[in-house]
Protein backbone atom coordinates (compact mmCIF):
# COMPACT_ATOMS: atom_id res chain seq x y z
CA UNK A 1 -0.35 -0.29 -0.08
CA UNK A 2 1.67 3.10 -0.92
CA UNK A 3 2.50 5.73 1.17
CA UNK A 4 0.93 9.56 1.80
CA UNK A 5 3.92 10.88 0.89
CA UNK A 6 4.07 8.83 -2.33
CA UNK A 7 0.65 10.16 -2.88
CA UNK A 8 1.41 13.24 -3.36
CA UNK A 9 4.58 14.02 -5.32
CA UNK A 10 4.01 17.72 -6.37
CA UNK A 11 4.23 18.54 -2.77
CA UNK A 12 7.85 20.07 -1.71
CA UNK A 13 9.31 17.90 1.62
CA UNK A 14 10.05 20.23 4.27
CA UNK A 15 13.97 20.26 4.42
CA UNK A 16 15.99 19.05 7.56
CA UNK A 17 17.32 20.79 9.44
CA UNK A 18 14.71 23.30 9.74
CA UNK A 19 16.10 26.22 8.58
CA UNK A 20 16.12 29.18 10.23
CA UNK A 21 13.00 30.99 8.68
CA UNK A 22 10.31 27.76 9.41
CA UNK A 23 12.07 28.09 13.22
CA UNK A 24 11.37 31.05 13.27
CA UNK A 25 7.44 30.38 12.39
CA UNK A 26 7.69 27.93 14.81
CA UNK A 27 8.31 30.47 17.35
CA UNK A 28 6.05 33.10 15.98
CA UNK A 29 3.22 30.17 16.12
CA UNK A 30 3.79 29.11 19.34
CA UNK A 31 4.50 32.85 21.34
CA UNK A 32 1.98 35.05 20.05
CA UNK A 33 -1.36 32.94 20.34
CA UNK A 34 -2.63 33.44 24.09
CA UNK A 35 -1.70 36.31 24.97
CA UNK A 36 -5.43 38.11 25.01
CA UNK A 37 -6.67 37.17 28.09
CA UNK A 38 -7.22 38.58 31.46
CA UNK A 39 -4.63 38.18 34.52
CA UNK A 40 -4.76 34.92 35.92
CA UNK A 41 -3.70 33.26 39.07
CA UNK A 42 -0.95 32.70 40.52
CA UNK A 43 2.16 34.16 39.58
CA UNK A 44 0.22 36.40 36.41
CA UNK A 45 -1.49 38.20 37.85
CA UNK A 46 0.80 39.38 40.13
CA UNK A 47 3.17 40.70 37.64
CA UNK A 48 0.99 42.50 35.52
CA UNK A 49 -0.13 44.40 39.08
CA UNK A 50 3.79 45.47 39.75
CA UNK A 51 3.80 46.29 36.68
CA UNK A 52 0.90 48.14 36.22
CA UNK A 53 2.26 49.95 39.83
CA UNK A 54 5.22 50.71 37.94
CA UNK A 55 3.94 52.40 34.93
CA UNK A 56 1.32 54.15 37.06
CA UNK A 57 4.17 55.76 40.05
CA UNK A 58 7.18 55.55 37.86
CA UNK A 59 8.44 53.32 41.37
CA UNK A 60 11.20 51.43 39.26
CA UNK A 61 12.69 49.92 42.78
CA UNK A 62 10.72 48.73 44.97
CA UNK A 63 7.50 46.64 43.75
CA UNK A 64 3.85 47.25 44.79
CA UNK A 65 1.15 44.86 44.88
CA UNK A 66 -2.18 46.44 44.98
CA UNK A 67 -0.11 48.59 47.49
CA UNK A 68 1.45 45.89 49.05
CA UNK A 69 5.95 45.88 48.50
CA UNK A 70 7.16 42.48 46.80
CA UNK A 71 10.34 41.93 46.84
CA UNK A 72 9.90 38.14 46.34
CA UNK A 73 11.75 38.90 42.00
CA UNK A 74 14.10 41.67 41.31
CA UNK A 75 13.03 43.60 38.90
CA UNK A 76 14.40 42.94 35.30
CA UNK A 77 11.04 41.31 34.10
CA UNK A 78 8.50 44.00 35.91
CA UNK A 79 10.18 46.60 33.92
CA UNK A 80 10.10 45.17 30.13
CA UNK A 81 6.35 44.74 30.93
CA UNK A 82 5.58 48.15 32.51
CA UNK A 83 7.07 50.24 30.01
CA UNK A 84 5.15 47.63 27.04
CA UNK A 85 2.21 48.17 28.27
CA UNK A 86 2.07 51.40 28.96
CA UNK A 87 3.83 52.37 25.92
CA UNK A 88 0.88 50.03 23.84
CA UNK A 89 -1.82 50.83 26.40
CA UNK A 90 -3.10 53.01 22.79
CA UNK A 91 -3.80 49.42 20.73
CA UNK A 92 -4.07 46.97 23.26
CA UNK A 93 -5.57 46.48 27.03
CA UNK A 94 -2.38 47.08 29.42
CA UNK A 95 -2.22 43.16 30.68
CA UNK A 96 -1.20 41.95 27.00
CA UNK A 97 1.26 44.87 26.12
CA UNK A 98 2.57 44.04 29.33
CA UNK A 99 2.89 39.79 28.00
CA UNK A 100 4.48 41.10 25.22
CA UNK A 101 7.63 41.08 27.30
CA UNK A 102 6.64 37.61 28.02
CA UNK A 103 6.83 36.83 24.50
CA UNK A 104 9.88 39.10 23.91
CA UNK A 105 11.52 37.34 26.84
CA UNK A 106 11.11 33.62 24.73
CA UNK A 107 11.78 34.87 21.72
CA UNK A 108 15.44 35.68 22.67
CA UNK A 109 15.33 32.87 24.73
CA UNK A 110 15.10 30.04 21.71
CA UNK A 111 17.35 32.10 19.84
CA UNK A 112 19.97 32.03 22.23
CA UNK A 113 19.77 28.47 22.94
CA UNK A 114 20.03 28.02 18.86
CA UNK A 115 23.06 29.60 19.03
CA UNK A 116 24.35 28.38 21.42
CA UNK A 117 23.55 24.98 19.71
CA UNK A 118 25.01 26.14 16.86
CA UNK A 119 28.65 26.47 18.34
CA UNK A 120 28.51 23.37 20.58
CA UNK A 121 28.29 21.35 17.83
CA UNK A 122 29.60 18.36 18.04
CA UNK A 123 31.46 15.71 15.30
CA UNK A 124 28.43 13.49 14.78
CA UNK A 125 26.11 16.52 14.35
CA UNK A 126 26.28 19.81 12.26
CA UNK A 127 25.74 23.30 13.76
CA UNK A 128 22.91 23.82 12.27
CA UNK A 129 21.39 20.08 13.12
CA UNK A 130 22.08 20.85 17.37
CA UNK A 131 21.14 24.71 16.86
CA UNK A 132 17.27 23.16 15.62
CA UNK A 133 17.62 20.94 17.61
CA UNK A 134 18.65 23.08 21.26
CA UNK A 135 15.41 25.27 20.04
CA UNK A 136 12.69 22.55 19.47
CA UNK A 137 13.75 20.73 22.37
CA UNK A 138 13.57 24.13 24.20
CA UNK A 139 9.85 24.66 22.18
CA UNK A 140 8.62 21.38 22.85
CA UNK A 141 8.71 21.56 26.78
CA UNK A 142 5.66 20.87 28.16
CA UNK A 143 5.94 23.25 31.19
CA UNK A 144 6.11 25.95 28.72
CA UNK A 145 2.91 25.92 27.37
CA UNK A 146 0.71 28.52 29.73
CA UNK A 147 3.36 29.79 31.35
CA UNK A 148 5.08 30.93 28.32
CA UNK A 149 1.79 33.45 27.47
CA UNK A 150 1.88 35.10 31.27
CA UNK A 151 3.85 37.51 32.76
CA UNK A 152 6.25 35.35 34.55
CA UNK A 153 9.48 36.49 35.77
CA UNK A 154 11.22 33.13 34.86
CA UNK A 155 10.86 33.89 31.39
CA UNK A 156 13.12 36.60 31.81
CA UNK A 157 15.95 34.55 33.84
CA UNK A 158 15.35 31.88 30.76
CA UNK A 159 16.67 34.07 28.58
CA UNK A 160 18.89 35.14 30.57
CA UNK A 161 20.87 32.22 30.37
CA UNK A 162 20.55 31.00 27.38
CA UNK A 163 22.94 33.92 26.49
CA UNK A 164 25.12 33.28 28.45
CA UNK A 165 24.94 29.33 27.31
CA UNK A 166 25.67 31.49 23.92
CA UNK A 167 28.97 32.86 25.10
CA UNK A 168 30.85 30.07 26.93
CA UNK A 169 32.42 28.50 22.94
CA UNK A 170 34.36 31.74 23.18
CA UNK A 171 35.63 31.95 26.85
CA UNK A 172 38.99 29.69 25.64
CA UNK A 173 39.58 32.47 22.33
CA UNK A 174 38.64 35.35 23.56
CA UNK A 175 38.55 35.36 27.38
CA UNK A 176 37.78 39.02 28.03
CA UNK A 177 35.20 39.66 25.50
CA UNK A 178 33.23 36.35 25.78
CA UNK A 179 33.85 36.67 30.32
CA UNK A 180 32.05 40.25 30.63
CA UNK A 181 29.41 38.82 27.84
CA UNK A 182 28.57 35.69 30.01
CA UNK A 183 29.12 38.43 33.32
CA UNK A 184 26.46 40.33 32.00
CA UNK A 185 24.03 37.81 31.26
CA UNK A 186 24.07 35.81 34.82
CA UNK A 187 23.36 39.93 36.71
CA UNK A 188 20.32 39.67 34.25
CA UNK A 189 19.27 36.25 35.43
CA UNK A 190 19.97 37.60 38.84
CA UNK A 191 18.17 40.99 38.63
CA UNK A 192 15.17 38.65 36.51
CA UNK A 193 14.05 35.93 39.29
CA UNK A 194 17.61 35.97 42.04
CA UNK A 195 20.50 34.08 42.56
CA UNK A 196 19.66 30.45 42.74
CA UNK A 197 19.83 30.20 38.03
CA UNK A 198 22.45 31.95 37.90
CA UNK A 199 25.25 30.82 40.50
CA UNK A 200 24.35 27.31 40.04
CA UNK A 201 25.68 28.25 36.02
CA UNK A 202 28.18 30.45 37.11
CA UNK A 203 29.30 27.85 39.68
CA UNK A 204 29.22 25.17 36.74
CA UNK A 205 31.36 27.36 34.34
CA UNK A 206 34.21 27.88 37.72
CA UNK A 207 33.81 24.23 38.13
CA UNK A 208 34.17 23.21 34.10
CA UNK A 209 37.87 25.61 34.07
CA UNK A 210 39.29 22.76 36.45
CA UNK A 211 37.90 19.69 35.19
CA UNK A 212 38.27 20.13 31.61
CA UNK A 213 40.88 20.09 29.83
CA UNK A 214 39.97 22.29 26.41
CA UNK A 215 39.65 25.54 29.19
CA UNK A 216 42.32 24.80 31.45
CA UNK A 217 44.65 27.54 30.16
CA UNK A 218 46.45 30.95 31.11
CA UNK A 219 43.50 32.33 29.00
CA UNK A 220 40.68 30.73 32.14
CA UNK A 221 41.66 33.60 34.64
CA UNK A 222 40.86 36.61 32.39
CA UNK A 223 37.71 35.01 31.80
CA UNK A 224 36.26 34.02 35.50
CA UNK A 225 37.96 37.64 36.16
CA UNK A 226 35.74 39.29 33.45
CA UNK A 227 32.68 36.84 33.99
CA UNK A 228 32.74 38.09 38.04
CA UNK A 229 33.35 41.58 37.58
CA UNK A 230 30.45 41.82 35.11
CA UNK A 231 28.16 40.45 37.36
CA UNK A 232 29.00 41.84 40.28
CA UNK A 233 28.78 45.12 38.53
CA UNK A 234 25.13 44.35 37.65
CA UNK A 235 23.47 43.01 40.80
CA UNK A 236 25.35 45.07 43.20
CA UNK A 237 24.20 47.90 41.20
CA UNK A 238 20.43 47.18 41.56
CA UNK A 239 21.02 45.67 45.40
CA UNK A 240 22.93 49.30 45.94
CA UNK A 241 20.31 51.44 44.74
CA UNK A 242 17.43 49.26 46.36
CA UNK A 243 19.48 50.00 50.06
CA UNK A 244 19.54 53.19 49.19
CA UNK A 245 16.06 54.10 48.18
CA UNK A 246 14.21 51.81 50.76
CA UNK A 247 16.00 49.86 53.61
CA UNK A 248 12.51 48.18 54.29
CA UNK A 249 12.36 46.57 50.78
CA UNK A 250 16.23 45.34 51.25
CA UNK A 251 15.26 44.42 54.25
CA UNK A 252 12.17 42.24 52.70
CA UNK A 253 14.34 41.32 50.25
CA UNK A 254 17.67 39.94 51.96
CA UNK A 255 14.87 37.52 54.85
CA UNK A 256 13.45 35.98 51.22
CA UNK A 257 16.67 35.07 49.44
CA UNK A 258 18.06 34.18 53.09
CA UNK A 259 15.72 31.94 54.35
CA UNK A 260 17.03 28.62 55.92
CA UNK A 261 17.35 25.90 53.39
CA UNK A 262 13.59 23.17 53.75
CA UNK A 263 14.41 19.34 53.87
CA UNK A 264 17.07 18.33 50.73
CA UNK A 265 14.79 15.10 50.82
CA UNK A 266 11.40 16.53 50.45
CA UNK A 267 12.73 19.15 48.62
CA UNK A 268 14.38 17.21 45.88
CA UNK A 269 11.54 14.73 45.82
CA UNK A 270 9.10 17.61 45.11
CA UNK A 271 11.07 18.94 42.29
CA UNK A 272 12.11 15.70 40.81
CA UNK A 273 8.35 15.45 40.57
CA UNK A 274 7.82 18.40 38.87
CA UNK A 275 10.43 17.61 36.82
CA UNK A 276 9.16 14.47 36.01
CA UNK A 277 6.37 16.70 33.83
CA UNK A 278 7.29 19.64 33.34
CA UNK A 279 10.66 19.29 31.78
CA UNK A 280 9.13 16.58 29.34
CA UNK A 281 10.90 15.79 26.54
CA UNK A 282 14.11 17.90 27.66
CA UNK A 283 15.05 15.59 31.08
CA UNK A 284 15.04 12.33 28.82
CA UNK A 285 16.79 13.89 26.12
CA UNK A 286 19.27 14.79 28.18
CA UNK A 287 19.68 12.06 30.30
CA UNK A 288 20.31 9.66 27.40
CA UNK A 289 23.11 12.20 26.22
CA UNK A 290 24.60 12.26 29.59
CA UNK A 291 24.39 8.48 29.13
CA UNK A 292 25.59 7.79 25.98
CA UNK A 293 28.16 10.54 25.87
CA UNK A 294 30.21 9.64 28.92
CA UNK A 295 33.15 8.77 27.49
CA UNK A 296 33.20 13.07 26.69
CA UNK A 297 32.24 14.14 29.76
CA UNK A 298 35.13 16.17 30.37
CA UNK A 299 34.16 18.38 27.25
CA UNK A 300 32.61 21.49 27.66
CA UNK A 301 30.30 21.45 25.84
CA UNK A 302 28.42 18.45 27.78
CA UNK A 303 29.55 18.98 31.12
CA UNK A 304 29.00 22.94 31.40
CA UNK A 305 25.11 22.65 30.86
CA UNK A 306 25.18 18.39 32.41
CA UNK A 307 26.03 20.38 35.87
CA UNK A 308 24.51 23.27 35.80
CA UNK A 309 21.11 21.35 35.73
CA UNK A 310 21.95 19.47 38.68
CA UNK A 311 22.81 22.14 40.28
CA UNK A 312 20.81 24.29 39.86
CA UNK A 313 18.06 21.95 40.57
CA UNK A 314 19.91 20.48 43.66
CA UNK A 315 19.71 24.83 44.59
CA UNK A 316 16.30 24.64 44.10
CA UNK A 317 15.82 22.40 45.40
CA UNK A 318 16.75 23.14 49.29
CA UNK A 319 16.29 26.75 48.87
CA UNK A 320 13.29 27.51 46.35
CA UNK A 321 9.67 28.17 46.32
CA UNK A 322 7.57 24.54 46.18
CA UNK A 323 6.45 26.50 42.38
CA UNK A 324 6.46 24.78 38.99
CA UNK A 325 7.69 28.24 37.45
CA UNK A 326 10.57 28.51 39.63
CA UNK A 327 12.24 25.39 37.04
CA UNK A 328 11.49 27.46 34.12
CA UNK A 329 15.10 28.20 33.78
CA UNK A 330 16.00 24.53 34.32
CA UNK A 331 14.74 24.37 30.91
CA UNK A 332 17.55 25.90 28.92
CA UNK A 333 21.31 23.68 30.27
CA UNK A 334 18.57 21.04 30.03
CA UNK A 335 17.24 21.48 26.36
CA UNK A 336 21.26 22.63 25.27
CA UNK A 337 22.11 18.70 26.82
CA UNK A 338 19.19 17.17 25.12
CA UNK A 339 19.87 18.35 21.66
CA UNK A 340 23.49 16.29 22.09
CA UNK A 341 21.25 13.44 22.84
CA UNK A 342 19.50 13.26 19.88
CA UNK A 343 21.57 12.69 17.39
CA UNK A 344 22.80 8.98 19.43
CA UNK A 345 18.83 8.06 19.53
CA UNK A 346 18.58 4.46 18.25
CA UNK A 347 16.88 4.01 15.25
CA UNK A 348 13.57 2.18 17.18
CA UNK A 349 13.49 4.64 20.63
CA UNK A 350 14.10 7.95 17.95
CA UNK A 351 11.15 6.02 15.78
CA UNK A 352 8.66 5.67 19.15
CA UNK A 353 9.48 9.24 20.16
CA UNK A 354 8.33 10.22 16.83
CA UNK A 355 4.58 8.55 16.85
CA UNK A 356 4.02 9.13 20.44
CA UNK A 357 4.59 12.96 19.86
CA UNK A 358 2.23 12.83 16.67
CA UNK A 359 -0.45 10.13 18.38
CA UNK A 360 -0.82 12.28 21.26
CA UNK A 361 -0.59 15.91 20.12
CA UNK A 362 -3.19 14.78 17.21
CA UNK A 363 -5.67 13.12 19.78
CA UNK A 364 -5.59 15.57 22.18
CA UNK A 365 -6.21 18.64 19.69
CA UNK A 366 -8.74 16.48 18.29
CA UNK A 367 -10.48 16.58 21.99
CA UNK A 368 -10.20 20.86 21.07
CA UNK A 369 -11.92 20.79 18.49
CA UNK A 370 -14.23 18.39 20.07
CA UNK A 371 -15.12 21.11 22.52
CA UNK A 372 -15.36 23.69 19.80
CA UNK A 373 -18.17 22.09 18.10
CA UNK A 374 -20.28 20.92 21.17
CA UNK A 375 -19.74 24.17 22.64
CA UNK A 376 -21.28 26.16 19.29
CA UNK A 377 -23.59 22.75 18.04
CA UNK A 378 -24.51 21.35 20.97
CA UNK A 379 -23.89 18.51 19.55
CA UNK A 380 -22.45 16.03 21.41
CA UNK A 381 -24.79 16.81 24.03
CA UNK A 382 -22.55 15.29 26.95
CA UNK A 383 -19.64 16.83 25.95
CA UNK A 384 -21.45 20.25 25.42
CA UNK A 385 -23.54 19.94 28.79
CA UNK A 386 -20.21 18.86 30.78
CA UNK A 387 -18.48 22.22 29.34
CA UNK A 388 -21.50 24.17 30.22
CA UNK A 389 -20.79 23.11 33.83
CA UNK A 390 -17.93 24.18 33.97
CA UNK A 391 -18.08 27.30 32.95
CA UNK A 392 -22.52 28.40 33.52
CA UNK A 393 -23.41 31.42 31.70
CA UNK A 394 -20.07 31.04 29.25
CA UNK A 395 -21.40 32.31 25.77
CA UNK A 396 -20.00 30.85 23.05
CA UNK A 397 -19.30 33.45 19.66
CA UNK A 398 -18.87 32.48 16.18
CA UNK A 399 -16.09 34.00 14.20
CA UNK A 400 -14.76 32.90 11.52
CA UNK A 401 -10.33 34.75 11.17
CA UNK A 402 -9.64 31.89 14.32
CA UNK A 403 -11.54 29.10 12.54
CA UNK A 404 -9.54 29.55 9.73
CA UNK A 405 -6.10 30.11 11.61
CA UNK A 406 -6.76 26.78 13.61
CA UNK A 407 -7.65 24.99 10.46
CA UNK A 408 -4.02 26.67 8.98
CA UNK A 409 -2.17 24.99 11.98
CA UNK A 410 -3.86 21.49 11.06
CA UNK A 411 -3.04 21.23 7.44
CA UNK A 412 0.57 22.70 8.67
CA UNK A 413 0.80 19.98 11.11
CA UNK A 414 -0.35 17.46 9.01
CA UNK A 415 2.26 18.73 6.41
CA UNK A 416 4.21 18.10 8.89
CA UNK A 417 3.75 14.67 9.32
CA UNK A 418 3.68 12.86 5.92
CA UNK A 419 5.65 15.32 4.13
CA UNK A 420 9.25 15.66 6.64
CA UNK A 421 12.16 13.66 5.61
CA UNK A 422 13.62 10.79 8.15
CA UNK A 423 16.01 12.79 9.68
CA UNK A 424 17.91 13.02 13.62
CA UNK A 425 16.26 15.51 13.95
CA UNK A 426 12.34 15.16 12.79
CA UNK A 427 11.22 13.69 16.09
CA UNK A 428 11.90 16.76 18.42
CA UNK A 429 10.44 18.58 15.65
CA UNK A 430 7.51 16.57 14.89
CA UNK A 431 6.99 16.95 19.09
CA UNK A 432 7.70 20.33 18.48
CA UNK A 433 5.33 21.18 16.24
CA UNK A 434 2.39 18.92 18.06
CA UNK A 435 3.19 21.75 20.97
CA UNK A 436 2.37 24.20 18.94
CA UNK A 437 -0.42 22.64 16.92
CA UNK A 438 -2.71 22.13 20.43
CA UNK A 439 -1.44 25.40 21.95
CA UNK A 440 -2.31 26.87 19.13
CA UNK A 441 -5.33 25.45 18.59
CA UNK A 442 -6.48 25.78 22.24
CA UNK A 443 -5.47 29.55 21.65
CA UNK A 444 -7.77 29.94 18.82
CA UNK A 445 -10.40 28.09 19.68
CA UNK A 446 -10.66 27.47 23.14
CA UNK A 447 -9.44 30.18 25.38
CA UNK A 448 -12.18 32.57 25.94
CA UNK A 449 -14.17 29.61 27.36
CA UNK A 450 -11.10 29.40 29.45
CA UNK A 451 -11.02 33.45 30.43
CA UNK A 452 -14.51 33.47 31.61
CA UNK A 453 -13.46 30.97 33.95
CA UNK A 454 -10.04 31.89 35.10
CA UNK A 455 -10.80 35.76 34.83
CA UNK A 456 -11.40 37.83 37.78
CA UNK A 457 -12.81 40.83 36.14
CA UNK A 458 -16.23 40.38 36.29
CA UNK A 459 -15.82 39.91 40.64
CA UNK A 460 -14.27 42.80 40.16
CA UNK A 461 -16.84 45.13 38.25
CA UNK A 462 -19.41 43.33 40.96
CA UNK A 463 -17.55 43.89 44.09
CA UNK A 464 -16.76 47.63 42.64
CA UNK A 465 -20.86 48.29 41.84
CA UNK A 466 -21.84 47.52 45.22
CA UNK A 467 -19.41 49.37 47.23
CA UNK A 468 -21.46 52.55 48.37
CA UNK A 469 -20.32 55.64 47.06
CA UNK A 470 -17.82 57.78 49.30
CA UNK A 471 -15.72 54.47 50.81
CA UNK A 472 -13.08 56.01 52.46
CA UNK A 473 -11.51 52.43 53.09
CA UNK A 474 -12.17 48.88 52.35
CA UNK A 475 -10.07 46.10 55.39
CA UNK A 476 -9.91 42.20 53.49
CA UNK A 477 -9.84 38.68 55.03
CA UNK A 478 -8.23 36.07 53.66
CA UNK A 479 -7.49 37.55 50.63
CA UNK A 480 -4.79 36.34 48.67
CA UNK A 481 -1.79 38.07 46.89
CA UNK A 482 -3.47 37.27 43.08
CA UNK A 483 -7.39 38.09 43.69
CA UNK A 484 -6.12 41.49 45.79
CA UNK A 485 -3.68 42.51 42.34
CA UNK A 486 -6.63 41.58 39.86
CA UNK A 487 -9.63 43.00 42.09
CA UNK A 488 -6.99 46.42 41.80
CA UNK A 489 -6.11 46.07 38.23
CA UNK A 490 -9.86 45.49 37.42
CA UNK A 491 -11.56 47.92 39.72
CA UNK A 492 -9.62 49.67 41.59
CA UNK A 493 -10.15 47.63 44.83
CA UNK A 494 -7.26 47.85 47.56
CA UNK A 495 -7.84 46.39 50.81
CA UNK A 496 -6.26 46.67 53.96
CA UNK A 497 -5.71 44.33 56.81
CA UNK A 498 -8.67 43.73 58.62
CA UNK A 499 -7.89 44.93 62.35
CA UNK A 500 -9.45 42.56 65.59
CA UNK A 501 -8.17 45.21 68.30
CA UNK A 502 -10.03 47.25 65.94
CA UNK A 503 -12.74 45.93 64.39
CA UNK A 504 -15.19 48.72 62.95
CA UNK A 505 -11.68 51.01 61.74
CA UNK A 506 -13.13 50.08 58.52
CA UNK A 507 -17.27 50.06 57.77
CA UNK A 508 -16.62 47.71 54.96
CA UNK A 509 -14.93 44.32 54.67
CA UNK A 510 -14.09 41.85 52.14
CA UNK A 511 -13.67 38.20 52.85
CA UNK A 512 -12.87 35.38 50.88
CA UNK A 513 -13.99 32.17 52.02
CA UNK A 514 -15.47 29.10 50.51
CA UNK A 515 -18.97 28.64 48.85
CA UNK A 516 -19.95 25.54 51.26
CA UNK A 517 -20.06 27.44 54.61
CA UNK A 518 -20.92 31.63 55.76
CA UNK A 519 -18.85 31.37 58.72
CA UNK A 520 -15.97 33.72 56.95
CA UNK A 521 -18.14 36.94 58.22
CA UNK A 522 -16.52 39.14 61.16
CA UNK A 523 -17.93 38.15 64.15
CA UNK A 524 -16.83 41.08 66.73
CA UNK A 525 -16.93 44.48 66.37
CA UNK A 526 -21.19 44.81 65.28
CA UNK A 527 -23.87 43.07 63.18
CA UNK A 528 -22.52 42.65 59.56
CA UNK A 529 -24.55 43.17 56.83
CA UNK A 530 -23.55 41.31 53.73
CA UNK A 531 -23.95 43.20 50.42
CA UNK A 532 -22.70 40.32 48.06
CA UNK A 533 -21.69 37.13 47.43
CA UNK A 534 -19.69 36.76 44.36
CA UNK A 535 -17.59 34.03 42.64
CA UNK A 536 -15.82 32.83 39.53
CA UNK A 537 -18.02 30.59 36.68
CA UNK A 538 -17.71 27.26 37.98
CA UNK A 539 -15.18 28.11 40.47
CA UNK A 540 -16.13 25.94 43.64
CA UNK A 541 -13.35 26.92 45.73
CA UNK A 542 -13.40 30.71 46.32
CA UNK A 543 -16.04 32.92 46.92
CA UNK A 544 -15.96 36.46 47.41
CA UNK A 545 -18.06 38.09 50.14
CA UNK A 546 -18.93 41.91 51.50
CA UNK A 547 -19.91 43.15 54.28
CA UNK A 548 -21.19 46.26 55.62
CA UNK A 549 -21.33 46.89 59.56
CA UNK A 550 -24.58 47.95 60.72
CA UNK A 551 -25.00 51.17 62.50
């Protein structure tokens, strides 16, 4: 029986490895869809809130969320998000413009990891193959599917780490220039998401200058000195400015950055469980590269990303917070190391990985199409009823352009599946193409339904309408920081902590509670009358109740 590719002789086969223009299309098709949604819980809402504060106040050093000081993250990403949101607010809503900073940082990360892969190409692969493999592995990482489209500081750290890795192949030839560029990238990584990621990469490079013969030369000292000096200059400039501007904010940052480590085994189990799916397929390809090329472990191209990944995972397990977003920078060394593993995969393993990706993404994309058809036609009725139950009140609106774009994505994916010749990079290219297909289809067809459930816009506007005119203050109980950021962003609702000693100091109080009970009303200070009881559509965990003190 003839293959489908043999029945379509007029269509050209896609060249392998993919050319830079094709890779750029891959990146754009993944990055751009899905940026147009309201701020979502958790870190997306906080990032948008910080950027809005910077744009409105001009305060560059002390970040605030809904008026509350927030020193968990250094400011690099928020500076860029505030600038993008402010500059583009005449075209799009502020949160959309701010989120374009995420798009820019991810695009930079992909460009730098491509350059790093090209420069680190080994004897078994050409520069174009290695660069394409590194980019496609990073693009296809499962953990980036949603987080790439949120206001996430770790995306800036990912870009900086990829840039630092791209400078390393010049360390032996141009030590001062490469060291300065490497140190600048580490400094920017620190300004993006803290000390863990740059410390891991910096320590790995320092150890590599002792362990790798190619770098154990007199030129290592100028490289390391330039790198350390530039990193200290960039990181120290912000810390000094912060200490001078607000000693209280500096103390907050220092306490958060120097918190006591957690139990090592507990943190490691937690992070390994996340990495098992978050860094797929980067981590199995990286593990295979470490095993299959174990006789070459003293080459910097293999030693540095492998040790960086181990150190980053260890430091994150000890001192990092228990959020999957903190592991985004880990994708950089894993993608670069995994690119070497692509070219040593045995034919059976490569084929299994290839078709596993095709079938998996084809299946889940078909589910997205099924949900879209159910919402718009009511068939299948069971699926339509489930979607309506999950998002009550959602009114689907038919739009031609998203539908045509989703159909074009499907056609392009089928072209890649059936008209791509066999090559070492075909498996990772098809996987990345499947990621683009699934996310793009969901963003074009299913994002309005998801945004209807996840957005706090309706909650904020309903609460705003119930707040009496002239209210001087609003107290809060149990209100989470993402929720506070979203309410402030959408409706300008800012709260202060509820005082047990002076419960009547604010005649209004906003309580975040559960739909299952009414035990969250204040029990002291007088009689409290409920003005509002609202929540997001389909949300069974959160309820927002507004009370007023009765006279």
